[in-house]
């Protein structure tokens, strides 16, 4: 219901998605949003929200997407958001956020688009490193690296897959030739001699 004034005295905790985008909301994001444990999606984009991103959003452990873009939010990104391990989409762009971008878990997967137009942010994945950063790269994660698939003798898994693919195509072509030429006598003789 965009453009209609409604006062919500209490929000039901069973909501899974809330879209407050494009409503010209002003003020801070309520800390009580962090009590809506069943939320999977939250969109406060394109409003006039000010203040800090509330650390209580870190309590939304089921959250899969969060969009706070195009507001006037300021301060640092709360480290509590790193605990949102189900978070697959994050958009904090076009705000006045600053400081080091938290690292770890899902935050290592978000790219520049999640943070663009926040000139005060630094650290991975941004190009500008923080003044106390030793490097821009995130800490090693538990994701599987391509080099993990090398065999001890130096063969790479791609070579093995290529071999399987070529062998499969060769077998498919050969079986087409055998069965399209009619009844394969040698195949019939081979099986019927053994059964006699």
N, C-alpha and C. Protein backbone atom coordinates (compact mmCIF):
# COMPACT_ATOMS: atom_id res chain seq x y z
N UNK A 1 0.84 -1.18 0.00
CA UNK A 1 0.00 0.00 0.00
C UNK A 1 0.89 1.24 0.00
N UNK A 2 1.44 1.56 -1.08
CA UNK A 2 2.34 2.70 -1.18
C UNK A 2 1.54 3.99 -1.18
N UNK A 3 2.04 4.98 -0.44
CA UNK A 3 1.42 6.29 -0.42
C UNK A 3 0.27 6.43 0.55
N UNK A 4 -0.05 5.39 1.29
CA UNK A 4 -1.14 5.45 2.26
C UNK A 4 -0.55 5.46 3.65
N UNK A 5 -1.05 6.34 4.52
CA UNK A 5 -0.56 6.44 5.89
C UNK A 5 -1.26 5.40 6.75
N UNK A 6 -0.49 4.50 7.32
CA UNK A 6 -1.02 3.48 8.22
C UNK A 6 -0.13 3.44 9.45
N UNK A 7 -0.74 3.46 10.62
CA UNK A 7 0.04 3.34 11.85
C UNK A 7 -0.02 1.90 12.32
N UNK A 8 1.13 1.26 12.38
CA UNK A 8 1.20 -0.11 12.87
C UNK A 8 1.61 -0.08 14.33
N UNK A 9 0.72 -0.48 15.19
CA UNK A 9 1.02 -0.52 16.61
C UNK A 9 1.93 -1.70 16.91
N UNK A 10 1.68 -2.80 16.22
CA UNK A 10 2.49 -4.00 16.40
C UNK A 10 2.59 -4.71 15.05
N UNK A 11 3.78 -5.17 14.71
CA UNK A 11 3.98 -5.94 13.48
C UNK A 11 3.98 -7.41 13.84
N UNK A 12 3.20 -8.18 13.13
CA UNK A 12 3.17 -9.62 13.41
C UNK A 12 4.53 -10.24 13.14
N UNK A 13 4.95 -11.10 14.03
CA UNK A 13 6.28 -11.71 13.89
C UNK A 13 6.34 -12.77 12.80
N UNK A 14 5.20 -13.16 12.22
CA UNK A 14 5.22 -14.19 11.19
C UNK A 14 5.47 -13.65 9.79
N UNK A 15 5.61 -12.34 9.64
CA UNK A 15 5.95 -11.79 8.33
C UNK A 15 7.28 -12.37 7.87
N UNK A 16 7.37 -12.72 6.59
CA UNK A 16 8.64 -13.22 6.07
C UNK A 16 9.31 -12.21 5.16
N UNK A 17 8.55 -11.31 4.57
CA UNK A 17 9.11 -10.28 3.69
C UNK A 17 8.41 -8.96 3.97
N UNK A 18 9.21 -7.92 4.13
CA UNK A 18 8.66 -6.58 4.31
C UNK A 18 9.32 -5.66 3.30
N UNK A 19 8.51 -4.97 2.51
CA UNK A 19 9.00 -4.03 1.50
C UNK A 19 8.48 -2.63 1.83
N UNK A 20 9.37 -1.82 2.42
CA UNK A 20 9.05 -0.44 2.75
C UNK A 20 9.70 0.52 1.75
N UNK A 21 10.04 0.05 0.56
CA UNK A 21 10.77 0.89 -0.39
C UNK A 21 9.89 1.99 -0.97
N UNK A 22 10.55 3.08 -1.39
CA UNK A 22 9.90 4.21 -2.07
C UNK A 22 8.73 4.79 -1.30
N UNK A 23 8.90 5.03 -0.01
CA UNK A 23 7.82 5.56 0.80
C UNK A 23 8.12 6.92 1.41
N UNK A 24 9.30 7.47 1.16
CA UNK A 24 9.69 8.76 1.72
C UNK A 24 9.71 8.73 3.25
N UNK A 25 10.04 7.54 3.82
CA UNK A 25 10.17 7.44 5.28
C UNK A 25 11.33 8.30 5.74
N UNK A 26 11.19 8.89 6.91
CA UNK A 26 12.24 9.72 7.51
C UNK A 26 12.55 9.18 8.89
N UNK A 27 13.75 9.46 9.37
CA UNK A 27 14.13 9.02 10.71
C UNK A 27 15.01 7.79 10.67
N UNK A 28 15.18 7.20 11.85
CA UNK A 28 16.03 6.03 12.01
C UNK A 28 15.28 4.75 11.67
N UNK A 29 16.04 3.72 11.32
CA UNK A 29 15.45 2.38 11.17
C UNK A 29 15.17 1.89 12.59
N UNK A 30 13.95 1.48 12.87
CA UNK A 30 13.63 1.04 14.24
C UNK A 30 14.46 -0.18 14.66
N UNK A 31 15.00 -0.13 15.88
CA UNK A 31 15.77 -1.26 16.39
C UNK A 31 14.90 -2.50 16.54
N UNK A 32 13.59 -2.29 16.74
CA UNK A 32 12.67 -3.41 16.96
C UNK A 32 12.53 -4.31 15.73
N UNK A 33 12.97 -3.84 14.55
CA UNK A 33 12.95 -4.70 13.35
C UNK A 33 13.75 -5.97 13.62
N UNK A 34 14.78 -5.87 14.45
CA UNK A 34 15.61 -7.02 14.78
C UNK A 34 14.89 -8.11 15.55
N UNK A 35 13.67 -7.84 16.00
CA UNK A 35 12.89 -8.84 16.73
C UNK A 35 12.06 -9.72 15.80
N UNK A 36 12.00 -9.38 14.53
CA UNK A 36 11.20 -10.14 13.56
C UNK A 36 12.02 -11.31 13.03
N UNK A 37 12.19 -12.31 13.88
CA UNK A 37 13.09 -13.44 13.61
C UNK A 37 12.78 -14.22 12.34
N UNK A 38 11.54 -14.22 11.88
CA UNK A 38 11.19 -15.02 10.71
C UNK A 38 11.40 -14.29 9.39
N UNK A 39 11.88 -13.06 9.43
CA UNK A 39 12.07 -12.29 8.19
C UNK A 39 13.09 -12.96 7.28
N UNK A 40 12.73 -13.06 6.01
CA UNK A 40 13.66 -13.56 4.98
C UNK A 40 14.09 -12.44 4.05
N UNK A 41 13.28 -11.40 3.95
CA UNK A 41 13.59 -10.27 3.09
C UNK A 41 13.16 -8.96 3.71
N UNK A 42 14.03 -7.94 3.60
CA UNK A 42 13.73 -6.62 4.16
C UNK A 42 14.21 -5.56 3.19
N UNK A 43 13.30 -4.67 2.78
CA UNK A 43 13.63 -3.63 1.82
C UNK A 43 13.20 -2.27 2.36
N UNK A 44 14.18 -1.43 2.68
CA UNK A 44 13.95 -0.06 3.11
C UNK A 44 14.54 0.91 2.08
N UNK A 45 14.75 0.47 0.85
CA UNK A 45 15.44 1.30 -0.14
C UNK A 45 14.61 2.49 -0.58
N UNK A 46 15.31 3.51 -1.08
CA UNK A 46 14.70 4.72 -1.67
C UNK A 46 13.76 5.42 -0.70
N UNK A 47 14.27 5.72 0.48
CA UNK A 47 13.56 6.53 1.46
C UNK A 47 14.50 7.65 1.89
N UNK A 48 14.20 8.30 2.97
CA UNK A 48 15.07 9.34 3.53
C UNK A 48 15.49 8.96 4.94
N UNK A 49 15.84 7.70 5.13
CA UNK A 49 16.24 7.23 6.45
C UNK A 49 17.62 7.77 6.81
N UNK A 50 17.78 8.14 8.07
CA UNK A 50 19.04 8.68 8.56
C UNK A 50 19.54 7.81 9.71
N UNK A 51 20.67 8.19 10.26
CA UNK A 51 21.20 7.47 11.40
C UNK A 51 22.01 6.26 10.98
N UNK A 52 22.23 5.39 11.92
CA UNK A 52 23.06 4.21 11.70
C UNK A 52 22.23 2.98 11.37
N UNK A 53 22.88 2.03 10.73
CA UNK A 53 22.25 0.73 10.50
C UNK A 53 22.21 0.05 11.87
N UNK A 54 21.02 -0.32 12.36
CA UNK A 54 20.95 -0.89 13.71
C UNK A 54 21.62 -2.26 13.80
N UNK A 55 22.48 -2.44 14.82
CA UNK A 55 23.10 -3.75 15.02
C UNK A 55 22.09 -4.86 15.25
N UNK A 56 20.87 -4.51 15.67
CA UNK A 56 19.84 -5.52 15.93
C UNK A 56 19.45 -6.28 14.67
N UNK A 57 19.79 -5.75 13.48
CA UNK A 57 19.52 -6.49 12.24
C UNK A 57 20.31 -7.80 12.21
N UNK A 58 21.37 -7.87 12.98
CA UNK A 58 22.15 -9.10 13.08
C UNK A 58 21.40 -10.24 13.74
N UNK A 59 20.26 -9.93 14.38
CA UNK A 59 19.43 -10.96 15.00
C UNK A 59 18.53 -11.68 13.99
N UNK A 60 18.44 -11.15 12.79
CA UNK A 60 17.55 -11.71 11.76
C UNK A 60 18.24 -12.87 11.06
N UNK A 61 18.41 -13.95 11.77
CA UNK A 61 19.24 -15.07 11.29
C UNK A 61 18.68 -15.78 10.06
N UNK A 62 17.40 -15.58 9.74
CA UNK A 62 16.81 -16.19 8.55
C UNK A 62 16.85 -15.27 7.33
N UNK A 63 17.38 -14.07 7.50
CA UNK A 63 17.35 -13.06 6.44
C UNK A 63 18.18 -13.53 5.23
N UNK A 64 17.54 -13.51 4.05
CA UNK A 64 18.20 -13.92 2.82
C UNK A 64 18.56 -12.73 1.94
N UNK A 65 17.83 -11.61 2.07
CA UNK A 65 18.17 -10.41 1.31
C UNK A 65 17.83 -9.17 2.12
N UNK A 66 18.70 -8.17 1.98
CA UNK A 66 18.57 -6.92 2.71
C UNK A 66 18.93 -5.78 1.78
N UNK A 67 18.00 -4.83 1.62
CA UNK A 67 18.22 -3.68 0.75
C UNK A 67 17.95 -2.40 1.54
N UNK A 68 19.02 -1.67 1.85
CA UNK A 68 18.92 -0.39 2.55
C UNK A 68 19.46 0.73 1.66
N UNK A 69 19.48 0.51 0.36
CA UNK A 69 20.10 1.45 -0.57
C UNK A 69 19.30 2.74 -0.72
N UNK A 70 19.99 3.77 -1.21
CA UNK A 70 19.39 5.07 -1.54
C UNK A 70 18.67 5.69 -0.35
N UNK A 71 19.40 5.82 0.74
CA UNK A 71 18.93 6.52 1.93
C UNK A 71 20.02 7.50 2.35
N UNK A 72 19.99 7.92 3.58
CA UNK A 72 21.02 8.81 4.12
C UNK A 72 21.63 8.20 5.37
N UNK A 73 21.79 6.89 5.35
CA UNK A 73 22.36 6.19 6.49
C UNK A 73 23.83 6.52 6.61
N UNK A 74 24.31 6.58 7.85
CA UNK A 74 25.71 6.96 8.09
C UNK A 74 26.33 6.04 9.13
N UNK A 75 27.61 6.24 9.35
CA UNK A 75 28.32 5.43 10.33
C UNK A 75 28.85 4.14 9.71
N UNK A 76 29.32 3.27 10.57
CA UNK A 76 29.91 2.01 10.12
C UNK A 76 28.85 0.93 9.93
N UNK A 77 29.19 -0.04 9.11
CA UNK A 77 28.33 -1.22 8.94
C UNK A 77 28.52 -2.08 10.19
N UNK A 78 27.44 -2.41 10.90
CA UNK A 78 27.60 -3.19 12.14
C UNK A 78 28.20 -4.57 11.86
N UNK A 79 29.16 -4.96 12.68
CA UNK A 79 29.79 -6.27 12.52
C UNK A 79 28.81 -7.40 12.80
N UNK A 80 27.72 -7.11 13.48
CA UNK A 80 26.71 -8.13 13.77
C UNK A 80 26.08 -8.69 12.49
N UNK A 81 26.13 -7.92 11.41
CA UNK A 81 25.54 -8.39 10.14
C UNK A 81 26.31 -9.58 9.57
N UNK A 82 27.56 -9.76 9.99
CA UNK A 82 28.35 -10.90 9.52
C UNK A 82 27.70 -12.22 9.96
N UNK A 83 26.94 -12.19 11.05
CA UNK A 83 26.29 -13.40 11.55
C UNK A 83 25.10 -13.84 10.71
N UNK A 84 24.72 -13.05 9.71
CA UNK A 84 23.59 -13.40 8.85
C UNK A 84 24.07 -14.38 7.78
N UNK A 85 24.20 -15.63 8.14
CA UNK A 85 24.80 -16.63 7.24
C UNK A 85 23.87 -17.03 6.10
N UNK A 86 22.59 -16.70 6.17
CA UNK A 86 21.67 -17.00 5.06
C UNK A 86 21.60 -15.87 4.05
N UNK A 87 22.26 -14.76 4.34
CA UNK A 87 22.18 -13.57 3.50
C UNK A 87 22.85 -13.81 2.15
N UNK A 88 22.06 -13.76 1.08
CA UNK A 88 22.58 -13.99 -0.27
C UNK A 88 22.65 -12.69 -1.06
N UNK A 89 21.88 -11.67 -0.68
CA UNK A 89 21.86 -10.39 -1.39
C UNK A 89 21.92 -9.27 -0.38
N UNK A 90 22.82 -8.33 -0.61
CA UNK A 90 22.97 -7.17 0.26
C UNK A 90 23.15 -5.94 -0.61
N UNK A 91 22.37 -4.89 -0.34
CA UNK A 91 22.54 -3.62 -1.05
C UNK A 91 22.53 -2.49 -0.04
N UNK A 92 23.70 -1.92 0.20
CA UNK A 92 23.86 -0.77 1.08
C UNK A 92 24.30 0.46 0.29
N UNK A 93 24.17 0.41 -1.02
CA UNK A 93 24.69 1.47 -1.88
C UNK A 93 23.94 2.78 -1.69
N UNK A 94 24.59 3.86 -2.11
CA UNK A 94 24.03 5.21 -2.11
C UNK A 94 23.57 5.65 -0.73
N UNK A 95 24.49 5.57 0.22
CA UNK A 95 24.30 6.08 1.57
C UNK A 95 25.55 6.87 1.94
N UNK A 96 25.73 7.15 3.21
CA UNK A 96 26.91 7.87 3.70
C UNK A 96 27.68 7.00 4.68
N UNK A 97 27.75 5.72 4.41
CA UNK A 97 28.43 4.79 5.30
C UNK A 97 29.94 4.98 5.21
N UNK A 98 30.62 4.67 6.31
CA UNK A 98 32.08 4.83 6.33
C UNK A 98 32.71 3.74 7.17
N UNK A 99 34.03 3.66 7.10
CA UNK A 99 34.77 2.68 7.87
C UNK A 99 35.04 1.41 7.08
N UNK A 100 35.62 0.46 7.78
CA UNK A 100 36.00 -0.80 7.16
C UNK A 100 34.78 -1.71 7.00
N UNK A 101 34.66 -2.31 5.82
CA UNK A 101 33.58 -3.26 5.55
C UNK A 101 33.87 -4.54 6.34
N UNK A 102 32.89 -5.01 7.13
CA UNK A 102 33.13 -6.24 7.90
C UNK A 102 33.47 -7.42 6.98
N UNK A 103 34.27 -8.33 7.49
CA UNK A 103 34.70 -9.49 6.72
C UNK A 103 34.27 -10.78 7.40
N UNK A 104 34.18 -11.83 6.61
CA UNK A 104 33.85 -13.15 7.12
C UNK A 104 32.51 -13.62 6.61
N UNK A 105 32.35 -14.91 6.58
CA UNK A 105 31.12 -15.59 6.17
C UNK A 105 30.57 -15.00 4.88
N UNK A 106 29.31 -14.60 4.86
CA UNK A 106 28.67 -14.12 3.64
C UNK A 106 29.28 -12.81 3.13
N UNK A 107 29.82 -12.00 4.00
CA UNK A 107 30.36 -10.71 3.57
C UNK A 107 31.53 -10.87 2.61
N UNK A 108 32.18 -12.01 2.61
CA UNK A 108 33.27 -12.25 1.67
C UNK A 108 32.76 -12.49 0.25
N UNK A 109 31.45 -12.66 0.08
CA UNK A 109 30.89 -12.94 -1.24
C UNK A 109 30.28 -11.71 -1.91
N UNK A 110 30.08 -10.63 -1.17
CA UNK A 110 29.45 -9.44 -1.74
C UNK A 110 30.49 -8.60 -2.49
N UNK A 111 30.09 -8.07 -3.64
CA UNK A 111 31.01 -7.32 -4.49
C UNK A 111 30.76 -5.81 -4.36
N UNK A 112 31.47 -5.02 -5.18
CA UNK A 112 31.40 -3.56 -5.12
C UNK A 112 29.99 -3.01 -5.22
N UNK A 113 29.14 -3.64 -6.03
CA UNK A 113 27.78 -3.13 -6.22
C UNK A 113 27.00 -3.03 -4.91
N UNK A 114 27.33 -3.85 -3.95
CA UNK A 114 26.62 -3.81 -2.67
C UNK A 114 26.92 -2.54 -1.88
N UNK A 115 28.04 -1.87 -2.21
CA UNK A 115 28.50 -0.74 -1.41
C UNK A 115 28.73 0.54 -2.20
N UNK A 116 28.42 0.56 -3.50
CA UNK A 116 28.78 1.71 -4.34
C UNK A 116 28.16 3.01 -3.81
N UNK A 117 28.82 4.12 -4.13
CA UNK A 117 28.40 5.46 -3.72
C UNK A 117 28.44 5.66 -2.20
N UNK A 118 29.25 4.92 -1.51
CA UNK A 118 29.55 5.14 -0.09
C UNK A 118 31.04 5.47 -0.03
N UNK A 119 31.36 6.72 -0.24
CA UNK A 119 32.77 7.11 -0.39
C UNK A 119 33.61 6.89 0.86
N UNK A 120 32.98 6.72 2.00
CA UNK A 120 33.73 6.54 3.23
C UNK A 120 34.07 5.09 3.56
N UNK A 121 33.59 4.15 2.75
CA UNK A 121 33.87 2.74 3.01
C UNK A 121 35.22 2.33 2.45
N UNK A 122 35.87 1.40 3.13
CA UNK A 122 37.17 0.91 2.67
C UNK A 122 37.28 -0.58 2.98
N UNK A 123 38.29 -1.21 2.41
CA UNK A 123 38.51 -2.64 2.60
C UNK A 123 37.85 -3.45 1.50
N UNK A 124 38.08 -4.75 1.54
CA UNK A 124 37.53 -5.65 0.52
C UNK A 124 36.02 -5.53 0.49
N UNK A 125 35.39 -5.44 -0.68
CA UNK A 125 35.89 -5.56 -2.05
C UNK A 125 36.22 -4.22 -2.70
N UNK A 126 36.19 -3.14 -1.93
CA UNK A 126 36.44 -1.81 -2.49
C UNK A 126 37.90 -1.69 -2.93
N UNK A 127 38.16 -0.78 -3.85
CA UNK A 127 39.52 -0.58 -4.34
C UNK A 127 40.39 0.12 -3.30
N UNK A 128 39.78 1.00 -2.50
CA UNK A 128 40.59 1.73 -1.52
C UNK A 128 40.72 0.93 -0.23
N UNK A 129 41.97 0.69 0.14
CA UNK A 129 42.26 -0.05 1.37
C UNK A 129 42.12 0.88 2.56
N UNK A 130 41.80 0.31 3.71
CA UNK A 130 41.74 1.10 4.93
C UNK A 130 43.17 1.42 5.36
N UNK A 131 43.33 2.49 6.10
CA UNK A 131 44.68 2.93 6.47
C UNK A 131 45.40 1.90 7.33
N UNK A 132 44.68 1.12 8.11
CA UNK A 132 45.32 0.09 8.93
C UNK A 132 45.25 -1.30 8.32
N UNK A 133 44.86 -1.37 7.03
CA UNK A 133 44.78 -2.66 6.33
C UNK A 133 46.15 -3.11 5.88
N UNK A 134 46.40 -4.41 6.00
CA UNK A 134 47.62 -4.98 5.42
C UNK A 134 47.38 -5.40 4.00
N UNK A 135 46.14 -5.64 3.64
CA UNK A 135 45.80 -6.06 2.29
C UNK A 135 44.31 -5.91 2.09
N UNK A 136 43.89 -5.95 0.85
CA UNK A 136 42.48 -5.78 0.55
C UNK A 136 41.72 -7.09 0.48
N UNK A 137 42.43 -8.19 0.44
CA UNK A 137 41.76 -9.47 0.25
C UNK A 137 41.13 -9.93 1.56
N UNK A 138 40.00 -10.63 1.47
CA UNK A 138 39.37 -11.16 2.68
C UNK A 138 40.18 -12.32 3.22
N UNK A 139 39.94 -12.68 4.48
CA UNK A 139 40.64 -13.84 5.02
C UNK A 139 40.24 -15.10 4.26
N UNK A 140 41.10 -16.11 4.25
CA UNK A 140 40.76 -17.33 3.52
C UNK A 140 39.45 -17.91 4.04
N UNK A 141 38.62 -18.32 3.12
CA UNK A 141 37.34 -18.90 3.52
C UNK A 141 37.40 -20.40 3.32
N UNK A 142 36.33 -21.05 3.72
CA UNK A 142 36.29 -22.50 3.62
C UNK A 142 35.78 -22.96 2.26
N UNK A 143 35.69 -22.04 1.30
CA UNK A 143 35.22 -22.44 -0.02
C UNK A 143 36.29 -23.27 -0.72
N UNK A 144 35.87 -24.12 -1.61
CA UNK A 144 36.78 -25.02 -2.33
C UNK A 144 37.48 -24.24 -3.43
N UNK A 145 38.78 -24.31 -3.46
CA UNK A 145 39.57 -23.64 -4.48
C UNK A 145 39.77 -24.58 -5.66
N UNK A 146 40.03 -24.02 -6.84
CA UNK A 146 40.22 -24.83 -8.04
C UNK A 146 41.43 -25.74 -7.90
N UNK A 147 42.48 -25.28 -7.20
CA UNK A 147 43.69 -26.09 -7.06
C UNK A 147 43.48 -27.31 -6.17
N UNK A 148 42.38 -27.34 -5.41
CA UNK A 148 42.11 -28.48 -4.56
C UNK A 148 41.79 -29.74 -5.37
N UNK A 149 41.54 -29.60 -6.66
CA UNK A 149 41.15 -30.73 -7.49
C UNK A 149 42.31 -31.28 -8.30
N UNK A 150 43.54 -30.96 -7.97
CA UNK A 150 44.69 -31.53 -8.67
C UNK A 150 45.03 -32.87 -8.04
N UNK A 151 45.39 -33.83 -8.88
CA UNK A 151 45.79 -35.13 -8.39
C UNK A 151 47.27 -35.09 -8.02
N UNK A 152 47.72 -36.08 -7.25
CA UNK A 152 49.10 -36.10 -6.78
C UNK A 152 50.10 -36.14 -7.92
N UNK A 153 49.77 -36.80 -9.02
CA UNK A 153 50.71 -36.90 -10.13
C UNK A 153 50.67 -35.68 -11.04
N UNK A 154 49.93 -34.63 -10.67
CA UNK A 154 49.93 -33.40 -11.44
C UNK A 154 48.75 -33.24 -12.38
N UNK A 155 48.00 -34.33 -12.63
CA UNK A 155 46.82 -34.19 -13.49
C UNK A 155 45.82 -33.26 -12.84
N UNK A 156 45.17 -32.52 -13.65
CA UNK A 156 44.15 -31.60 -13.16
C UNK A 156 42.79 -32.21 -13.45
N UNK A 157 41.81 -31.92 -12.66
CA UNK A 157 40.48 -32.51 -12.82
C UNK A 157 39.86 -32.18 -14.17
N UNK A 158 40.24 -31.05 -14.78
CA UNK A 158 39.68 -30.69 -16.09
C UNK A 158 40.11 -31.70 -17.16
N UNK A 159 41.33 -32.21 -17.05
CA UNK A 159 41.83 -33.20 -18.00
C UNK A 159 41.01 -34.48 -17.88
N UNK A 160 40.70 -34.88 -16.65
CA UNK A 160 39.91 -36.09 -16.43
C UNK A 160 38.51 -35.91 -17.02
N UNK A 161 37.89 -34.76 -16.78
CA UNK A 161 36.56 -34.51 -17.33
C UNK A 161 36.58 -34.48 -18.85
N UNK A 162 37.62 -33.91 -19.42
CA UNK A 162 37.74 -33.88 -20.87
C UNK A 162 37.84 -35.30 -21.42
N UNK A 163 38.60 -36.15 -20.74
CA UNK A 163 38.71 -37.55 -21.15
C UNK A 163 37.39 -38.29 -21.09
N UNK A 164 36.65 -38.07 -20.01
CA UNK A 164 35.32 -38.69 -19.91
C UNK A 164 34.40 -38.19 -21.01
N UNK A 165 34.44 -36.91 -21.29
CA UNK A 165 33.58 -36.34 -22.32
C UNK A 165 33.89 -36.90 -23.70
N UNK A 166 35.17 -36.97 -24.05
CA UNK A 166 35.58 -37.51 -25.35
C UNK A 166 35.21 -38.99 -25.43
N UNK A 167 35.46 -39.74 -24.38
CA UNK A 167 35.12 -41.16 -24.37
C UNK A 167 33.63 -41.39 -24.51
N UNK A 168 32.84 -40.59 -23.85
CA UNK A 168 31.39 -40.71 -23.94
C UNK A 168 30.91 -40.43 -25.36
N UNK A 169 31.42 -39.36 -25.97
CA UNK A 169 31.01 -39.01 -27.33
C UNK A 169 31.45 -40.09 -28.33
N UNK A 170 32.65 -40.65 -28.15
CA UNK A 170 33.13 -41.72 -29.02
C UNK A 170 32.22 -42.94 -28.89
N UNK A 171 31.88 -43.31 -27.68
CA UNK A 171 31.00 -44.45 -27.45
C UNK A 171 29.61 -44.22 -28.02
N UNK A 172 29.11 -43.03 -27.89
CA UNK A 172 27.79 -42.69 -28.43
C UNK A 172 27.81 -42.77 -29.96
N UNK A 173 28.86 -42.24 -30.58
CA UNK A 173 28.97 -42.30 -32.04
C UNK A 173 29.12 -43.72 -32.55
N UNK A 174 29.93 -44.53 -31.88
CA UNK A 174 30.13 -45.92 -32.27
C UNK A 174 28.83 -46.72 -32.14
N UNK A 175 28.12 -46.52 -31.06
CA UNK A 175 26.86 -47.26 -30.90
C UNK A 175 25.83 -46.82 -31.93
N UNK A 176 25.84 -45.57 -32.33
CA UNK A 176 24.93 -45.13 -33.39
C UNK A 176 25.25 -45.85 -34.70
N UNK A 177 26.55 -45.92 -35.03
CA UNK A 177 26.95 -46.60 -36.27
C UNK A 177 26.58 -48.08 -36.24
N UNK A 178 26.78 -48.73 -35.12
CA UNK A 178 26.50 -50.17 -35.02
C UNK A 178 25.01 -50.43 -35.16
N UNK A 179 24.19 -49.68 -34.45
CA UNK A 179 22.75 -49.96 -34.45
C UNK A 179 22.00 -49.37 -35.63
N UNK A 180 22.54 -48.36 -36.28
CA UNK A 180 21.86 -47.79 -37.45
C UNK A 180 22.12 -48.61 -38.71
N UNK A 181 23.15 -49.46 -38.70
CA UNK A 181 23.46 -50.27 -39.88
C UNK A 181 22.65 -51.55 -39.93
N UNK A 182 21.72 -51.70 -39.08
CA UNK A 182 20.89 -52.92 -39.08
C UNK A 182 21.25 -53.78 -37.89
N UNK A 183 20.90 -55.06 -38.02
CA UNK A 183 21.15 -55.99 -36.93
C UNK A 183 22.64 -56.30 -36.87
N UNK A 184 23.30 -55.96 -35.81
CA UNK A 184 24.74 -56.23 -35.71
C UNK A 184 24.99 -57.73 -35.47
N UNK A 185 25.34 -58.44 -36.53
CA UNK A 185 25.52 -59.90 -36.49
C UNK A 185 26.57 -60.30 -35.46
N UNK A 186 27.69 -59.63 -35.46
CA UNK A 186 28.76 -60.00 -34.55
C UNK A 186 28.33 -59.87 -33.09
N UNK A 187 27.47 -58.88 -32.80
CA UNK A 187 27.00 -58.69 -31.43
C UNK A 187 26.02 -59.80 -31.04
N UNK A 188 25.14 -60.17 -31.98
CA UNK A 188 24.18 -61.26 -31.73
C UNK A 188 24.94 -62.56 -31.52
N UNK A 189 25.93 -62.85 -32.39
CA UNK A 189 26.72 -64.07 -32.26
C UNK A 189 27.48 -64.11 -30.94
N UNK A 190 28.00 -62.99 -30.53
CA UNK A 190 28.77 -62.91 -29.30
C UNK A 190 27.91 -63.30 -28.09
N UNK A 191 26.71 -62.79 -28.02
CA UNK A 191 25.85 -63.06 -26.87
C UNK A 191 25.19 -64.44 -26.94
N UNK A 192 24.80 -64.87 -28.15
CA UNK A 192 24.11 -66.15 -28.25
C UNK A 192 25.06 -67.33 -28.15
N UNK A 193 26.31 -67.22 -28.50
CA UNK A 193 27.28 -68.30 -28.32
C UNK A 193 27.50 -68.56 -26.84
N UNK A 194 27.51 -67.54 -26.06
CA UNK A 194 27.75 -67.69 -24.62
C UNK A 194 26.57 -68.34 -23.91
N UNK A 195 25.37 -68.11 -24.41
CA UNK A 195 24.19 -68.64 -23.72
C UNK A 195 23.88 -70.08 -24.09
N UNK A 196 24.48 -70.62 -25.14
CA UNK A 196 24.20 -72.00 -25.57
C UNK A 196 24.87 -72.99 -24.71
